[in-house]
C-alpha atoms as a PDB file:
ATOM      1  CA  MET A   1      -9.235  16.855  10.700  1.00  0.00           C
ATOM      2  CA  THR A   2     -12.499  17.023   8.804  1.00  0.00           C
ATOM      3  CA  VAL A   3     -13.176  16.909   5.086  1.00  0.00           C
ATOM      4  CA  HIS A   4     -15.107  20.165   5.495  1.00  0.00           C
ATOM      5  CA  THR A   5     -11.982  21.932   6.812  1.00  0.00           C
ATOM      6  CA  ILE A   6      -9.934  20.764   3.827  1.00  0.00           C
ATOM      7  CA  ALA A   7     -12.747  21.768   1.451  1.00  0.00           C
ATOM      8  CA  ASP A   8     -12.925  25.239   2.983  1.00  0.00           C
ATOM      9  CA  GLU A   9      -9.163  25.676   2.512  1.00  0.00           C
ATOM     10  CA  ILE A  10      -9.417  24.564  -1.126  1.00  0.00           C
ATOM     11  CA  TYR A  11     -12.362  26.866  -1.793  1.00  0.00           C
ATOM     12  CA  ARG A  12     -10.538  29.875  -0.359  1.00  0.00           C
ATOM     13  CA  GLU A  13      -7.265  29.044  -2.144  1.00  0.00           C
ATOM     14  CA  LEU A  14      -9.114  28.950  -5.483  1.00  0.00           C
ATOM     15  CA  GLY A  15     -10.483  32.429  -4.787  1.00  0.00           C
ATOM     16  CA  SER A  16     -14.020  31.417  -3.805  1.00  0.00           C
ATOM     17  CA  PRO A  17     -15.212  30.504  -7.317  1.00  0.00           C
ATOM     18  CA  SER A  18     -18.879  31.286  -7.938  1.00  0.00           C
ATOM     19  CA  ASP A  19     -19.538  27.968  -9.679  1.00  0.00           C
ATOM     20  CA  TYR A  20     -18.426  25.923  -6.638  1.00  0.00           C
ATOM     21  CA  SER A  21     -19.290  25.899  -2.959  1.00  0.00           C
ATOM     22  CA  VAL A  22     -17.677  24.436   0.150  1.00  0.00           C
ATOM     23  CA  PRO A  23     -20.350  21.690   0.392  1.00  0.00           C
ATOM     24  CA  GLY A  24     -19.715  20.778  -3.251  1.00  0.00           C
ATOM     25  CA  VAL A  25     -15.965  20.521  -2.664  1.00  0.00           C
ATOM     26  CA  THR A  26     -16.630  18.514   0.519  1.00  0.00           C
ATOM     27  CA  PHE A  27     -18.783  16.076  -1.443  1.00  0.00           C
ATOM     28  CA  TRP A  28     -16.038  15.633  -4.051  1.00  0.00           C
ATOM     29  CA  LEU A  29     -13.380  15.044  -1.383  1.00  0.00           C
ATOM     30  CA  ARG A  30     -15.541  12.444   0.397  1.00  0.00           C
ATOM     31  CA  GLY A  31     -16.011  10.563  -2.841  1.00  0.00           C
ATOM     32  CA  HIS A  32     -12.349  10.641  -3.844  1.00  0.00           C
ATOM     33  CA  ILE A  33     -10.549   9.689  -0.627  1.00  0.00           C
ATOM     34  CA  GLY A  34      -9.774   6.377  -2.345  1.00  0.00           C
ATOM     35  CA  ASP A  35      -7.843   8.216  -5.066  1.00  0.00           C
ATOM     36  CA  LEU A  36      -5.586   9.660  -2.387  1.00  0.00           C
ATOM     37  CA  ASN A  37      -5.153   6.211  -0.854  1.00  0.00           C
ATOM     38  CA  ASN A  38      -4.170   4.734  -4.223  1.00  0.00           C
ATOM     39  CA  LEU A  39      -1.657   7.464  -4.989  1.00  0.00           C
ATOM     40  CA  ILE A  40       0.262   7.402  -1.733  1.00  0.00           C
ATOM     41  CA  SER A  41      -0.538   3.904  -0.407  1.00  0.00           C
ATOM     42  CA  THR A  42      -2.506   4.983   2.649  1.00  0.00           C
ATOM     43  CA  GLU A  43      -5.738   3.799   4.244  1.00  0.00           C
ATOM     44  CA  PHE A  44      -7.732   6.945   4.940  1.00  0.00           C
ATOM     45  CA  SER A  45     -11.457   6.781   5.387  1.00  0.00           C
ATOM     46  CA  VAL A  46     -14.227   9.229   6.120  1.00  0.00           C
ATOM     47  CA  SER A  47     -16.174   8.490   9.288  1.00  0.00           C
ATOM     48  CA  SER A  48     -19.562   6.934   8.638  1.00  0.00           C
ATOM     49  CA  THR A  49     -21.024   8.448  11.806  1.00  0.00           C
ATOM     50  CA  ASP A  50     -20.502  12.133  11.028  1.00  0.00           C
ATOM     51  CA  GLY A  51     -19.460  11.861   7.367  1.00  0.00           C
ATOM     52  CA  ALA A  52     -16.713  14.408   7.832  1.00  0.00           C
ATOM     53  CA  THR A  53     -13.856  13.161  10.008  1.00  0.00           C
ATOM     54  CA  VAL A  54     -10.870  11.715   8.166  1.00  0.00           C
ATOM     55  CA  SER A  55      -9.202   8.874  10.019  1.00  0.00           C
ATOM     56  CA  PRO A  56      -6.423   8.319  10.750  1.00  0.00           C
ATOM     57  CA  ASP A  57      -5.296  11.930  11.060  1.00  0.00           C
ATOM     58  CA  ILE A  58      -4.099  13.374   7.774  1.00  0.00           C
ATOM     59  CA  SER A  59      -0.703  15.115   7.704  1.00  0.00           C
ATOM     60  CA  GLU A  60       0.001  18.411   5.980  1.00  0.00           C
ATOM     61  CA  ALA A  61       1.882  16.647   3.160  1.00  0.00           C
ATOM     62  CA  GLN A  62      -1.030  14.268   2.576  1.00  0.00           C
ATOM     63  CA  LYS A  63      -3.488  17.148   2.693  1.00  0.00           C
ATOM     64  CA  SER A  64      -1.463  19.027   0.059  1.00  0.00           C
ATOM     65  CA  ILE A  65      -1.645  16.024  -2.261  1.00  0.00           C
ATOM     66  CA  PHE A  66      -5.409  15.762  -1.682  1.00  0.00           C
ATOM     67  CA  LYS A  67      -5.811  19.457  -2.514  1.00  0.00           C
ATOM     68  CA  LYS A  68      -3.847  19.015  -5.747  1.00  0.00           C
ATOM     69  CA  LEU A  69      -6.191  16.186  -6.729  1.00  0.00           C
ATOM     70  CA  PHE A  70      -9.148  18.536  -6.413  1.00  0.00           C
ATOM     71  CA  ASN A  71      -7.318  21.279  -8.320  1.00  0.00           C
ATOM     72  CA  LEU A  72      -6.805  18.861 -11.225  1.00  0.00           C
ATOM     73  CA  TYR A  73     -10.520  18.090 -11.205  1.00  0.00           C
ATOM     74  CA  PHE A  74     -11.378  21.793 -10.969  1.00  0.00           C
ATOM     75  CA  TYR A  75      -9.231  22.818 -13.942  1.00  0.00           C
ATOM     76  CA  GLY A  76     -10.426  19.827 -15.945  1.00  0.00           C
ATOM     77  CA  ARG A  77     -14.007  20.998 -15.475  1.00  0.00           C
ATOM     78  CA  LYS A  78     -13.031  24.543 -16.485  1.00  0.00           C
ATOM     79  CA  ILE A  79     -11.442  23.216 -19.679  1.00  0.00           C
ATOM     80  CA  LEU A  80     -14.550  21.232 -20.586  1.00  0.00           C
ATOM     81  CA  SER A  81     -16.871  24.154 -19.911  1.00  0.00           C
ATOM     82  CA  ASN A  82     -14.893  26.417 -22.251  1.00  0.00           C
ATOM     83  CA  LEU A  83     -14.525  24.000 -25.153  1.00  0.00           C
ATOM     84  CA  GLY A  84     -17.169  23.124 -27.681  1.00  0.00           C
ATOM     85  CA  ALA A  85     -19.609  24.768 -30.024  1.00  0.00           C
ATOM     86  CA  ALA A  86     -19.934  27.869 -27.876  1.00  0.00           C
ATOM     87  CA  ALA A  87     -16.416  29.031 -28.785  1.00  0.00           C
ATOM     88  CA  ASN A  88     -16.334  32.583 -30.103  1.00  0.00           C
ATOM     89  CA  ASP A  89     -13.806  34.480 -32.136  1.00  0.00           C
ATOM     90  CA  VAL A  90     -12.276  37.640 -30.749  1.00  0.00           C
ATOM     91  CA  LEU A  91     -14.666  40.421 -31.544  1.00  0.00           C
ATOM     92  CA  GLU A  92     -14.278  44.005 -30.455  1.00  0.00           C
ATOM     93  CA  VAL A  93     -16.794  46.762 -31.018  1.00  0.00           C
ATOM     94  CA  THR A  94     -16.168  50.368 -30.031  1.00  0.00           C
ATOM     95  CA  SER A  95     -18.885  52.990 -30.067  1.00  0.00           C
ATOM     96  CA  ASP A  96     -19.293  56.295 -28.223  1.00  0.00           C
ATOM     97  CA  GLY A  97     -16.269  55.619 -26.023  1.00  0.00           C
ATOM     98  CA  ALA A  98     -17.480  52.209 -24.892  1.00  0.00           C
ATOM     99  CA  THR A  99     -15.764  48.988 -25.941  1.00  0.00           C
ATOM    100  CA  VAL A 100     -17.210  45.494 -25.935  1.00  0.00           C
ATOM    101  CA  ARG A 101     -14.851  42.557 -26.404  1.00  0.00           C
ATOM    102  CA  VAL A 102     -15.750  38.891 -26.849  1.00  0.00           C
ATOM    103  CA  ILE A 103     -12.846  36.517 -26.278  1.00  0.00           C
ATOM    104  CA  ASN A 104     -12.365  33.135 -27.923  1.00  0.00           C
ATOM    105  CA  LYS A 105     -13.159  30.445 -25.356  1.00  0.00           C
ATOM    106  CA  ASN A 106     -10.523  28.188 -26.899  1.00  0.00           C
ATOM    107  CA  GLU A 107      -7.845  30.661 -25.765  1.00  0.00           C
ATOM    108  CA  ILE A 108      -9.267  30.580 -22.256  1.00  0.00           C
ATOM    109  CA  SER A 109      -9.206  26.768 -22.402  1.00  0.00           C
ATOM    110  CA  LYS A 110      -5.537  26.859 -23.385  1.00  0.00           C
ATOM    111  CA  THR A 111      -4.816  28.857 -20.256  1.00  0.00           C
ATOM    112  CA  TYR A 112      -6.704  26.332 -18.138  1.00  0.00           C
ATOM    113  CA  ILE A 113      -4.814  23.489 -19.828  1.00  0.00           C
ATOM    114  CA  GLN A 114      -1.531  25.158 -18.876  1.00  0.00           C
ATOM    115  CA  LEU A 115      -2.742  25.522 -15.293  1.00  0.00           C
ATOM    116  CA  LYS A 116      -3.844  21.894 -15.196  1.00  0.00           C
ATOM    117  CA  ASN A 117      -0.488  20.718 -16.563  1.00  0.00           C
ATOM    118  CA  GLN A 118       1.277  22.801 -13.933  1.00  0.00           C
ATOM    119  CA  GLU A 119      -0.888  21.249 -11.206  1.00  0.00           C
ATOM    120  CA  GLU A 120      -0.115  17.736 -12.542  1.00  0.00           C
ATOM    121  CA  GLY A 121       3.601  18.475 -12.391  1.00  0.00           C
ATOM    122  CA  GLN A 122       3.321  19.775  -8.850  1.00  0.00           C
ATOM    123  CA  LEU A 123       1.243  16.735  -7.844  1.00  0.00           C
ATOM    124  CA  LYS A 124       3.906  14.393  -9.195  1.00  0.00           C
ATOM    125  CA  ILE A 125       6.603  16.243  -7.273  1.00  0.00           C
ATOM    126  CA  LEU A 126       4.531  16.145  -4.057  1.00  0.00           C
ATOM    127  CA  ILE A 127       3.920  12.402  -4.418  1.00  0.00           C
ATOM    128  CA  ASP A 128       7.586  11.700  -5.172  1.00  0.00           C
ATOM    129  CA  LYS A 129       8.737  13.722  -2.158  1.00  0.00           C
ATOM    130  CA  TYR A 130       6.100  12.122   0.074  1.00  0.00           C
ATOM    131  CA  ASN A 131       7.180   8.628  -0.966  1.00  0.00           C
ATOM    132  CA  GLN A 132      10.838   9.543  -0.616  1.00  0.00           C
ATOM    133  CA  ASN A 133      10.364  10.897   2.916  1.00  0.00           C
ATOM    134  CA  GLY A 134       8.193   7.945   3.906  1.00  0.00           C
ATOM    135  CA  SER A 135      10.558   5.264   2.681  1.00  0.00           C
ATOM    136  CA  GLY A 136      12.558   3.257   5.165  1.00  0.00           C
ATOM    137  CA  PRO A 137      16.303   2.781   5.244  1.00  0.00           C
ATOM    138  CA  CYS A 138      17.876   0.822   2.419  1.00  0.00           C
ATOM    139  CA  GLN A 139      20.556  -0.728   4.608  1.00  0.00           C
ATOM    140  CA  VAL A 140      20.790  -4.387   5.586  1.00  0.00           C
ATOM    141  CA  ALA A 141      21.206  -4.720   9.339  1.00  0.00           C
ATOM    142  CA  GLY A 142      23.876  -7.072  10.632  1.00  0.00           C
ATOM    143  CA  ASP A 143      27.505  -7.898  10.087  1.00  0.00           C
ATOM    144  CA  ASP A 144      27.702  -9.282   6.589  1.00  0.00           C
ATOM    145  CA  THR A 145      31.274  -8.231   5.901  1.00  0.00           C
ATOM    146  CA  ILE A 146      34.394 -10.374   5.717  1.00  0.00           C
ATOM    147  CA  SER A 147      37.311  -9.279   7.844  1.00  0.00           C
ATOM    148  CA  ASP A 148      40.787  -8.850   6.392  1.00  0.00           C
ATOM    149  CA  ASP A 149      42.134 -11.781   8.483  1.00  0.00           C
ATOM    150  CA  THR A 150      39.658 -14.228   6.968  1.00  0.00           C
ATOM    151  CA  VAL A 151      40.469 -13.100   3.425  1.00  0.00           C
ATOM    152  CA  ASN A 152      44.206 -13.445   4.031  1.00  0.00           C
ATOM    153  CA  THR A 153      43.773 -16.939   5.501  1.00  0.00           C
ATOM    154  CA  PHE A 154      41.882 -18.129   2.449  1.00  0.00           C
ATOM    155  CA  ILE A 155      44.467 -16.682   0.117  1.00  0.00           C
ATOM    156  CA  LEU A 156      47.424 -18.215   1.978  1.00  0.00           C
ATOM    157  CA  ASP A 157      45.887 -21.658   2.616  1.00  0.00           C
ATOM    158  CA  PRO A 158      43.262 -22.474  -0.036  1.00  0.00           C
ATOM    159  CA  LEU A 159      42.870 -26.069   1.239  1.00  0.00           C
ATOM    160  CA  ARG A 160      41.816 -25.003   4.716  1.00  0.00           C
ATOM    161  CA  PRO A 161      38.159 -25.871   5.382  1.00  0.00           C
END
């Protein structure tokens, strides 16, 4: 699978935002493959020959986690762009049947913060489920039990070696 394919999926899932492009998302994904590796203890890399192929092959669960990482970045950028000195109060002007409304950017930022928090929660769940499904058995192999006969022998004859 290529980084470009994942970027295209992300771009379409976000509704093709005008302030981002597939190449921009691809660039971000290439630069943050290490974040994915750190979160789920993998060793993905982007091919140096074509700059697009992810190796080893990335599973659907891993791809979902990678997409969530970008979504967190995306909503974080939206929050930053709506905060600051450019915040406006709600202002509505009606004249001759036409209405103009200016919305407070802080309220928009609050919505983006809620979306980002939701994405963080979903990312945590995805990582927990991924780690849970990828964990090995917790059982010790072998016969480490004591039979009833051995226990009874020790109880009846405590001096027996």
